[in-house]
């Protein structure tokens, strides 16, 4: 059974990312298909340095290695997202 409760975290609205410290990060986190910032990235919007750190960790985690290539990591991420009913 899927939990219908979702945590509420204050975020900066997408249309306010165009100015200030979030503007340089916007192209890196906007979803080109939906033309908005995914919730997983938006939760960092009040702390742009935290968002930069999240992006660094994500890139590191998703880059391929000899034992687990990038394609396989992406496939695992897709299955986890589907199981969690995430659109991203």
PDB file of N, CA and C in Angstrom:
ATOM      1  N   UNK A   1       0.833  -1.174   0.000  1.00  0.00           N
ATOM      2  CA  UNK A   1       0.000   0.000   0.000  1.00  0.00           C
ATOM      3  C   UNK A   1       0.887   1.250   0.000  1.00  0.00           C
ATOM      4  N   UNK A   2       0.598   2.159  -0.889  1.00  0.00           N
ATOM      5  CA  UNK A   2       1.382   3.378  -0.999  1.00  0.00           C
ATOM      6  C   UNK A   2       0.945   4.378   0.050  1.00  0.00           C
ATOM      7  N   UNK A   3       1.921   4.990   0.721  1.00  0.00           N
ATOM      8  CA  UNK A   3       1.636   6.012   1.709  1.00  0.00           C
ATOM      9  C   UNK A   3       1.217   7.282   0.988  1.00  0.00           C
ATOM     10  N   UNK A   4       0.077   7.851   1.355  1.00  0.00           N
ATOM     11  CA  UNK A   4      -0.404   9.051   0.683  1.00  0.00           C
ATOM     12  C   UNK A   4       0.081  10.324   1.361  1.00  0.00           C
ATOM     13  N   UNK A   5       0.840  10.212   2.427  1.00  0.00           N
ATOM     14  CA  UNK A   5       1.359  11.384   3.113  1.00  0.00           C
ATOM     15  C   UNK A   5       2.708  11.758   2.526  1.00  0.00           C
ATOM     16  N   UNK A   6       2.934  13.029   2.390  1.00  0.00           N
ATOM     17  CA  UNK A   6       4.200  13.494   1.848  1.00  0.00           C
ATOM     18  C   UNK A   6       4.732  14.595   2.753  1.00  0.00           C
ATOM     19  N   UNK A   7       6.017  14.582   2.980  1.00  0.00           N
ATOM     20  CA  UNK A   7       6.629  15.613   3.809  1.00  0.00           C
ATOM     21  C   UNK A   7       6.488  16.963   3.130  1.00  0.00           C
ATOM     22  N   UNK A   8       6.327  17.993   3.915  1.00  0.00           N
ATOM     23  CA  UNK A   8       6.249  19.338   3.382  1.00  0.00           C
ATOM     24  C   UNK A   8       7.538  20.051   3.717  1.00  0.00           C
ATOM     25  N   UNK A   9       8.219  20.490   2.698  1.00  0.00           N
ATOM     26  CA  UNK A   9       9.475  21.201   2.859  1.00  0.00           C
ATOM     27  C   UNK A   9       9.356  22.503   2.084  1.00  0.00           C
ATOM     28  N   UNK A  10       9.664  23.614   2.733  1.00  0.00           N
ATOM     29  CA  UNK A  10       9.602  24.903   2.060  1.00  0.00           C
ATOM     30  C   UNK A  10      10.659  24.956   0.960  1.00  0.00           C
ATOM     31  N   UNK A  11      10.265  25.430  -0.212  1.00  0.00           N
ATOM     32  CA  UNK A  11      11.182  25.547  -1.342  1.00  0.00           C
ATOM     33  C   UNK A  11      10.998  26.899  -2.018  1.00  0.00           C
ATOM     34  N   UNK A  12      11.964  27.266  -2.823  1.00  0.00           N
ATOM     35  CA  UNK A  12      11.860  28.464  -3.649  1.00  0.00           C
ATOM     36  C   UNK A  12      11.082  28.069  -4.899  1.00  0.00           C
ATOM     37  N   UNK A  13      10.012  28.783  -5.241  1.00  0.00           N
ATOM     38  CA  UNK A  13       9.248  28.446  -6.456  1.00  0.00           C
ATOM     39  C   UNK A  13      10.128  28.514  -7.699  1.00  0.00           C
ATOM     40  N   UNK A  14       9.849  27.653  -8.663  1.00  0.00           N
ATOM     41  CA  UNK A  14      10.647  27.566  -9.893  1.00  0.00           C
ATOM     42  C   UNK A  14      10.847  28.925 -10.559  1.00  0.00           C
ATOM     43  N   UNK A  15       9.796  29.743 -10.611  1.00  0.00           N
ATOM     44  CA  UNK A  15       9.905  31.024 -11.320  1.00  0.00           C
ATOM     45  C   UNK A  15      10.803  32.033 -10.607  1.00  0.00           C
ATOM     46  N   UNK A  16      11.232  31.731  -9.388  1.00  0.00           N
ATOM     47  CA  UNK A  16      12.129  32.625  -8.659  1.00  0.00           C
ATOM     48  C   UNK A  16      13.593  32.174  -8.748  1.00  0.00           C
ATOM     49  N   UNK A  17      13.863  31.121  -9.495  1.00  0.00           N
ATOM     50  CA  UNK A  17      15.230  30.613  -9.656  1.00  0.00           C
ATOM     51  C   UNK A  17      16.012  31.414 -10.693  1.00  0.00           C
ATOM     52  N   UNK A  18      15.346  32.247 -11.462  1.00  0.00           N
ATOM     53  CA  UNK A  18      16.000  32.948 -12.569  1.00  0.00           C
ATOM     54  C   UNK A  18      16.938  34.054 -12.097  1.00  0.00           C
ATOM     55  N   UNK A  19      16.794  34.495 -10.867  1.00  0.00           N
ATOM     56  CA  UNK A  19      17.654  35.542 -10.302  1.00  0.00           C
ATOM     57  C   UNK A  19      18.350  35.011  -9.063  1.00  0.00           C
ATOM     58  N   UNK A  20      19.499  35.576  -8.762  1.00  0.00           N
ATOM     59  CA  UNK A  20      20.205  35.211  -7.539  1.00  0.00           C
ATOM     60  C   UNK A  20      21.044  33.961  -7.681  1.00  0.00           C
ATOM     61  N   UNK A  21      21.434  33.386  -6.542  1.00  0.00           N
ATOM     62  CA  UNK A  21      22.378  32.259  -6.554  1.00  0.00           C
ATOM     63  C   UNK A  21      21.842  30.986  -7.208  1.00  0.00           C
ATOM     64  N   UNK A  22      20.536  30.837  -7.305  1.00  0.00           N
ATOM     65  CA  UNK A  22      19.979  29.631  -7.935  1.00  0.00           C
ATOM     66  C   UNK A  22      20.022  29.703  -9.460  1.00  0.00           C
ATOM     67  N   UNK A  23      20.186  30.902 -10.012  1.00  0.00           N
ATOM     68  CA  UNK A  23      20.127  31.056 -11.476  1.00  0.00           C
ATOM     69  C   UNK A  23      21.215  30.245 -12.182  1.00  0.00           C
ATOM     70  N   UNK A  24      22.404  30.175 -11.597  1.00  0.00           N
ATOM     71  CA  UNK A  24      23.474  29.405 -12.247  1.00  0.00           C
ATOM     72  C   UNK A  24      23.245  27.902 -12.140  1.00  0.00           C
ATOM     73  N   UNK A  25      22.448  27.476 -11.167  1.00  0.00           N
ATOM     74  CA  UNK A  25      22.174  26.047 -10.982  1.00  0.00           C
ATOM     75  C   UNK A  25      20.962  25.578 -11.782  1.00  0.00           C
ATOM     76  N   UNK A  26      20.082  26.505 -12.134  1.00  0.00           N
ATOM     77  CA  UNK A  26      18.829  26.147 -12.814  1.00  0.00           C
ATOM     78  C   UNK A  26      19.044  25.273 -14.051  1.00  0.00           C
ATOM     79  N   UNK A  27      19.948  25.610 -14.968  1.00  0.00           N
ATOM     80  CA  UNK A  27      20.112  24.758 -16.150  1.00  0.00           C
ATOM     81  C   UNK A  27      20.547  23.328 -15.816  1.00  0.00           C
ATOM     82  N   UNK A  28      21.167  23.145 -14.677  1.00  0.00           N
ATOM     83  CA  UNK A  28      21.653  21.825 -14.291  1.00  0.00           C
ATOM     84  C   UNK A  28      20.565  20.963 -13.653  1.00  0.00           C
ATOM     85  N   UNK A  29      19.489  21.589 -13.181  1.00  0.00           N
ATOM     86  CA  UNK A  29      18.484  20.832 -12.430  1.00  0.00           C
ATOM     87  C   UNK A  29      17.078  20.877 -13.031  1.00  0.00           C
ATOM     88  N   UNK A  30      16.849  21.715 -14.028  1.00  0.00           N
ATOM     89  CA  UNK A  30      15.513  21.774 -14.614  1.00  0.00           C
ATOM     90  C   UNK A  30      15.292  20.527 -15.474  1.00  0.00           C
ATOM     91  N   UNK A  31      14.129  19.937 -15.343  1.00  0.00           N
ATOM     92  CA  UNK A  31      13.766  18.756 -16.129  1.00  0.00           C
ATOM     93  C   UNK A  31      13.329  19.234 -17.512  1.00  0.00           C
ATOM     94  N   UNK A  32      14.058  18.867 -18.565  1.00  0.00           N
ATOM     95  CA  UNK A  32      13.718  19.381 -19.897  1.00  0.00           C
ATOM     96  C   UNK A  32      12.348  18.922 -20.398  1.00  0.00           C
ATOM     97  N   UNK A  33      11.899  17.761 -19.970  1.00  0.00           N
ATOM     98  CA  UNK A  33      10.604  17.263 -20.422  1.00  0.00           C
ATOM     99  C   UNK A  33       9.459  18.016 -19.747  1.00  0.00           C
ATOM    100  N   UNK A  34       9.568  18.241 -18.442  1.00  0.00           N
ATOM    101  CA  UNK A  34       8.495  18.884 -17.698  1.00  0.00           C
ATOM    102  C   UNK A  34       8.729  20.376 -17.519  1.00  0.00           C
ATOM    103  N   UNK A  35       9.929  20.848 -17.864  1.00  0.00           N
ATOM    104  CA  UNK A  35      10.317  22.253 -17.759  1.00  0.00           C
ATOM    105  C   UNK A  35      10.095  22.811 -16.356  1.00  0.00           C
ATOM    106  N   UNK A  36      10.485  22.023 -15.364  1.00  0.00           N
ATOM    107  CA  UNK A  36      10.405  22.451 -13.970  1.00  0.00           C
ATOM    108  C   UNK A  36      11.504  21.743 -13.187  1.00  0.00           C
ATOM    109  N   UNK A  37      11.710  22.206 -11.978  1.00  0.00           N
ATOM    110  CA  UNK A  37      12.722  21.607 -11.110  1.00  0.00           C
ATOM    111  C   UNK A  37      12.077  20.446 -10.354  1.00  0.00           C
ATOM    112  N   UNK A  38      12.689  19.277 -10.432  1.00  0.00           N
ATOM    113  CA  UNK A  38      12.160  18.119  -9.710  1.00  0.00           C
ATOM    114  C   UNK A  38      12.220  18.370  -8.212  1.00  0.00           C
ATOM    115  N   UNK A  39      11.285  17.786  -7.489  1.00  0.00           N
ATOM    116  CA  UNK A  39      11.200  17.970  -6.040  1.00  0.00           C
ATOM    117  C   UNK A  39      12.495  17.588  -5.333  1.00  0.00           C
ATOM    118  N   UNK A  40      13.148  16.543  -5.788  1.00  0.00           N
ATOM    119  CA  UNK A  40      14.369  16.073  -5.123  1.00  0.00           C
ATOM    120  C   UNK A  40      15.465  17.135  -5.160  1.00  0.00           C
ATOM    121  N   UNK A  41      15.455  17.986  -6.174  1.00  0.00           N
ATOM    122  CA  UNK A  41      16.418  19.085  -6.251  1.00  0.00           C
ATOM    123  C   UNK A  41      15.869  20.342  -5.575  1.00  0.00           C
ATOM    124  N   UNK A  42      14.576  20.582  -5.712  1.00  0.00           N
ATOM    125  CA  UNK A  42      13.968  21.795  -5.155  1.00  0.00           C
ATOM    126  C   UNK A  42      14.073  21.850  -3.631  1.00  0.00           C
ATOM    127  N   UNK A  43      14.165  20.701  -2.966  1.00  0.00           N
ATOM    128  CA  UNK A  43      14.270  20.724  -1.504  1.00  0.00           C
ATOM    129  C   UNK A  43      15.539  21.423  -1.036  1.00  0.00           C
ATOM    130  N   UNK A  44      16.503  21.579  -1.930  1.00  0.00           N
ATOM    131  CA  UNK A  44      17.753  22.267  -1.597  1.00  0.00           C
ATOM    132  C   UNK A  44      17.718  23.751  -1.955  1.00  0.00           C
ATOM    133  N   UNK A  45      16.619  24.245  -2.465  1.00  0.00           N
ATOM    134  CA  UNK A  45      16.589  25.594  -3.021  1.00  0.00           C
ATOM    135  C   UNK A  45      16.854  26.691  -1.989  1.00  0.00           C
ATOM    136  N   UNK A  46      16.573  26.445  -0.741  1.00  0.00           N
ATOM    137  CA  UNK A  46      16.870  27.446   0.289  1.00  0.00           C
ATOM    138  C   UNK A  46      18.345  27.449   0.661  1.00  0.00           C
ATOM    139  N   UNK A  47      19.086  26.460   0.185  1.00  0.00           N
ATOM    140  CA  UNK A  47      20.511  26.341   0.474  1.00  0.00           C
ATOM    141  C   UNK A  47      21.242  25.985  -0.816  1.00  0.00           C
ATOM    142  N   UNK A  48      21.542  26.973  -1.659  1.00  0.00           N
ATOM    143  CA  UNK A  48      22.193  26.688  -2.938  1.00  0.00           C
ATOM    144  C   UNK A  48      23.506  25.908  -2.803  1.00  0.00           C
ATOM    145  N   UNK A  49      24.270  26.142  -1.749  1.00  0.00           N
ATOM    146  CA  UNK A  49      25.507  25.376  -1.557  1.00  0.00           C
ATOM    147  C   UNK A  49      25.198  23.893  -1.323  1.00  0.00           C
ATOM    148  N   UNK A  50      24.112  23.616  -0.609  1.00  0.00           N
ATOM    149  CA  UNK A  50      23.673  22.232  -0.418  1.00  0.00           C
ATOM    150  C   UNK A  50      23.254  21.600  -1.736  1.00  0.00           C
ATOM    151  N   UNK A  51      22.614  22.391  -2.598  1.00  0.00           N
ATOM    152  CA  UNK A  51      22.221  21.897  -3.915  1.00  0.00           C
ATOM    153  C   UNK A  51      23.458  21.564  -4.745  1.00  0.00           C
ATOM    154  N   UNK A  52      24.461  22.434  -4.706  1.00  0.00           N
ATOM    155  CA  UNK A  52      25.708  22.153  -5.428  1.00  0.00           C
ATOM    156  C   UNK A  52      26.327  20.853  -4.929  1.00  0.00           C
ATOM    157  N   UNK A  53      26.333  20.646  -3.612  1.00  0.00           N
ATOM    158  CA  UNK A  53      26.892  19.419  -3.037  1.00  0.00           C
ATOM    159  C   UNK A  53      26.089  18.201  -3.493  1.00  0.00           C
ATOM    160  N   UNK A  54      24.756  18.312  -3.508  1.00  0.00           N
ATOM    161  CA  UNK A  54      23.892  17.218  -3.957  1.00  0.00           C
ATOM    162  C   UNK A  54      24.226  16.852  -5.400  1.00  0.00           C
ATOM    163  N   UNK A  55      24.381  17.858  -6.248  1.00  0.00           N
ATOM    164  CA  UNK A  55      24.719  17.601  -7.647  1.00  0.00           C
ATOM    165  C   UNK A  55      26.054  16.874  -7.766  1.00  0.00           C
ATOM    166  N   UNK A  56      27.029  17.278  -6.961  1.00  0.00           N
ATOM    167  CA  UNK A  56      28.330  16.617  -6.988  1.00  0.00           C
ATOM    168  C   UNK A  56      28.250  15.165  -6.576  1.00  0.00           C
ATOM    169  N   UNK A  57      27.504  14.900  -5.519  1.00  0.00           N
ATOM    170  CA  UNK A  57      27.332  13.517  -5.052  1.00  0.00           C
ATOM    171  C   UNK A  57      26.598  12.688  -6.102  1.00  0.00           C
ATOM    172  N   UNK A  58      25.557  13.269  -6.695  1.00  0.00           N
ATOM    173  CA  UNK A  58      24.795  12.556  -7.717  1.00  0.00           C
ATOM    174  C   UNK A  58      25.681  12.193  -8.903  1.00  0.00           C
ATOM    175  N   UNK A  59      26.447  13.174  -9.366  1.00  0.00           N
ATOM    176  CA  UNK A  59      27.329  12.906 -10.518  1.00  0.00           C
ATOM    177  C   UNK A  59      28.340  11.814 -10.189  1.00  0.00           C
ATOM    178  N   UNK A  60      28.879  11.871  -8.987  1.00  0.00           N
ATOM    179  CA  UNK A  60      29.851  10.859  -8.577  1.00  0.00           C
ATOM    180  C   UNK A  60      29.203   9.482  -8.488  1.00  0.00           C
ATOM    181  N   UNK A  61      28.020   9.420  -7.892  1.00  0.00           N
ATOM    182  CA  UNK A  61      27.333   8.141  -7.723  1.00  0.00           C
ATOM    183  C   UNK A  61      26.913   7.539  -9.060  1.00  0.00           C
ATOM    184  N   UNK A  62      26.561   8.386 -10.018  1.00  0.00           N
ATOM    185  CA  UNK A  62      26.051   7.881 -11.284  1.00  0.00           C
ATOM    186  C   UNK A  62      27.121   7.692 -12.350  1.00  0.00           C
ATOM    187  N   UNK A  63      28.341   8.135 -12.088  1.00  0.00           N
ATOM    188  CA  UNK A  63      29.390   7.900 -13.086  1.00  0.00           C
ATOM    189  C   UNK A  63      29.772   6.420 -13.038  1.00  0.00           C
ATOM    190  N   UNK A  64      30.079   5.885 -14.176  1.00  0.00           N
ATOM    191  CA  UNK A  64      30.381   4.463 -14.258  1.00  0.00           C
ATOM    192  C   UNK A  64      31.722   4.089 -13.659  1.00  0.00           C
ATOM    193  N   UNK A  65      31.816   2.852 -13.237  1.00  0.00           N
ATOM    194  CA  UNK A  65      33.078   2.284 -12.761  1.00  0.00           C
ATOM    195  C   UNK A  65      33.297   0.971 -13.500  1.00  0.00           C
ATOM    196  N   UNK A  66      34.430   0.356 -13.271  1.00  0.00           N
ATOM    197  CA  UNK A  66      34.734  -0.922 -13.935  1.00  0.00           C
ATOM    198  C   UNK A  66      33.744  -2.012 -13.521  1.00  0.00           C
ATOM    199  N   UNK A  67      33.257  -1.951 -12.284  1.00  0.00           N
ATOM    200  CA  UNK A  67      32.375  -3.019 -11.791  1.00  0.00           C
ATOM    201  C   UNK A  67      30.886  -2.729 -11.994  1.00  0.00           C
ATOM    202  N   UNK A  68      30.527  -1.457 -12.170  1.00  0.00           N
ATOM    203  CA  UNK A  68      29.121  -1.111 -12.387  1.00  0.00           C
ATOM    204  C   UNK A  68      29.041   0.063 -13.363  1.00  0.00           C
ATOM    205  N   UNK A  69      28.893  -0.235 -14.652  1.00  0.00           N
ATOM    206  CA  UNK A  69      28.868   0.812 -15.669  1.00  0.00           C
ATOM    207  C   UNK A  69      27.698   1.792 -15.489  1.00  0.00           C
ATOM    208  N   UNK A  70      27.856   2.975 -16.071  1.00  0.00           N
ATOM    209  CA  UNK A  70      26.849   4.034 -15.970  1.00  0.00           C
ATOM    210  C   UNK A  70      25.467   3.553 -16.416  1.00  0.00           C
ATOM    211  N   UNK A  71      25.396   2.817 -17.502  1.00  0.00           N
ATOM    212  CA  UNK A  71      24.111   2.334 -18.002  1.00  0.00           C
ATOM    213  C   UNK A  71      23.400   1.486 -16.948  1.00  0.00           C
ATOM    214  N   UNK A  72      24.123   0.606 -16.291  1.00  0.00           N
ATOM    215  CA  UNK A  72      23.516  -0.241 -15.265  1.00  0.00           C
ATOM    216  C   UNK A  72      23.068   0.598 -14.061  1.00  0.00           C
ATOM    217  N   UNK A  73      23.842   1.600 -13.693  1.00  0.00           N
ATOM    218  CA  UNK A  73      23.442   2.493 -12.591  1.00  0.00           C
ATOM    219  C   UNK A  73      22.149   3.216 -12.945  1.00  0.00           C
ATOM    220  N   UNK A  74      22.053   3.690 -14.188  1.00  0.00           N
ATOM    221  CA  UNK A  74      20.837   4.379 -14.639  1.00  0.00           C
ATOM    222  C   UNK A  74      19.639   3.431 -14.615  1.00  0.00           C
ATOM    223  N   UNK A  75      19.850   2.175 -14.998  1.00  0.00           N
ATOM    224  CA  UNK A  75      18.756   1.202 -14.980  1.00  0.00           C
ATOM    225  C   UNK A  75      18.277   0.937 -13.547  1.00  0.00           C
ATOM    226  N   UNK A  76      19.211   0.828 -12.615  1.00  0.00           N
ATOM    227  CA  UNK A  76      18.859   0.631 -11.210  1.00  0.00           C
ATOM    228  C   UNK A  76      18.068   1.834 -10.706  1.00  0.00           C
ATOM    229  N   UNK A  77      18.526   3.039 -11.037  1.00  0.00           N
ATOM    230  CA  UNK A  77      17.830   4.254 -10.616  1.00  0.00           C
ATOM    231  C   UNK A  77      16.413   4.288 -11.189  1.00  0.00           C
ATOM    232  N   UNK A  78      16.244   3.865 -12.432  1.00  0.00           N
ATOM    233  CA  UNK A  78      14.924   3.834 -13.054  1.00  0.00           C
ATOM    234  C   UNK A  78      13.992   2.885 -12.307  1.00  0.00           C
ATOM    235  N   UNK A  79      14.461   1.696 -12.010  1.00  0.00           N
ATOM    236  CA  UNK A  79      13.622   0.714 -11.306  1.00  0.00           C
ATOM    237  C   UNK A  79      13.240   1.229  -9.918  1.00  0.00           C
ATOM    238  N   UNK A  80      14.190   1.813  -9.205  1.00  0.00           N
ATOM    239  CA  UNK A  80      13.892   2.364  -7.876  1.00  0.00           C
ATOM    240  C   UNK A  80      12.858   3.477  -7.990  1.00  0.00           C
ATOM    241  N   UNK A  81      13.003   4.354  -8.978  1.00  0.00           N
ATOM    242  CA  UNK A  81      12.030   5.432  -9.176  1.00  0.00           C
ATOM    243  C   UNK A  81      10.644   4.873  -9.489  1.00  0.00           C
ATOM    244  N   UNK A  82      10.584   3.858 -10.342  1.00  0.00           N
ATOM    245  CA  UNK A  82       9.291   3.252 -10.663  1.00  0.00           C
ATOM    246  C   UNK A  82       8.652   2.628  -9.429  1.00  0.00           C
ATOM    247  N   UNK A  83       9.447   1.927  -8.639  1.00  0.00           N
ATOM    248  CA  UNK A  83       8.926   1.306  -7.422  1.00  0.00           C
ATOM    249  C   UNK A  83       8.438   2.352  -6.413  1.00  0.00           C
ATOM    250  N   UNK A  84       9.064   3.533  -6.423  1.00  0.00           N
ATOM    251  CA  UNK A  84       8.674   4.607  -5.519  1.00  0.00           C
ATOM    252  C   UNK A  84       7.642   5.540  -6.126  1.00  0.00           C
ATOM    253  N   UNK A  85       7.161   5.198  -7.329  1.00  0.00           N
ATOM    254  CA  UNK A  85       6.159   5.990  -8.027  1.00  0.00           C
ATOM    255  C   UNK A  85       6.620   7.414  -8.284  1.00  0.00           C
ATOM    256  N   UNK A  86       7.909   7.569  -8.607  1.00  0.00           N
ATOM    257  CA  UNK A  86       8.474   8.878  -8.951  1.00  0.00           C
ATOM    258  C   UNK A  86       8.429   9.063 -10.455  1.00  0.00           C
ATOM    259  N   UNK A  87       8.209  10.293 -10.915  1.00  0.00           N
ATOM    260  CA  UNK A  87       8.210  10.539 -12.351  1.00  0.00           C
ATOM    261  C   UNK A  87       9.605  10.782 -12.896  1.00  0.00           C
ATOM    262  N   UNK A  88      10.583  10.991 -12.033  1.00  0.00           N
ATOM    263  CA  UNK A  88      11.947  11.254 -12.491  1.00  0.00           C
ATOM    264  C   UNK A  88      12.820  10.056 -12.297  1.00  0.00           C
TER     265      UNK A  88
END
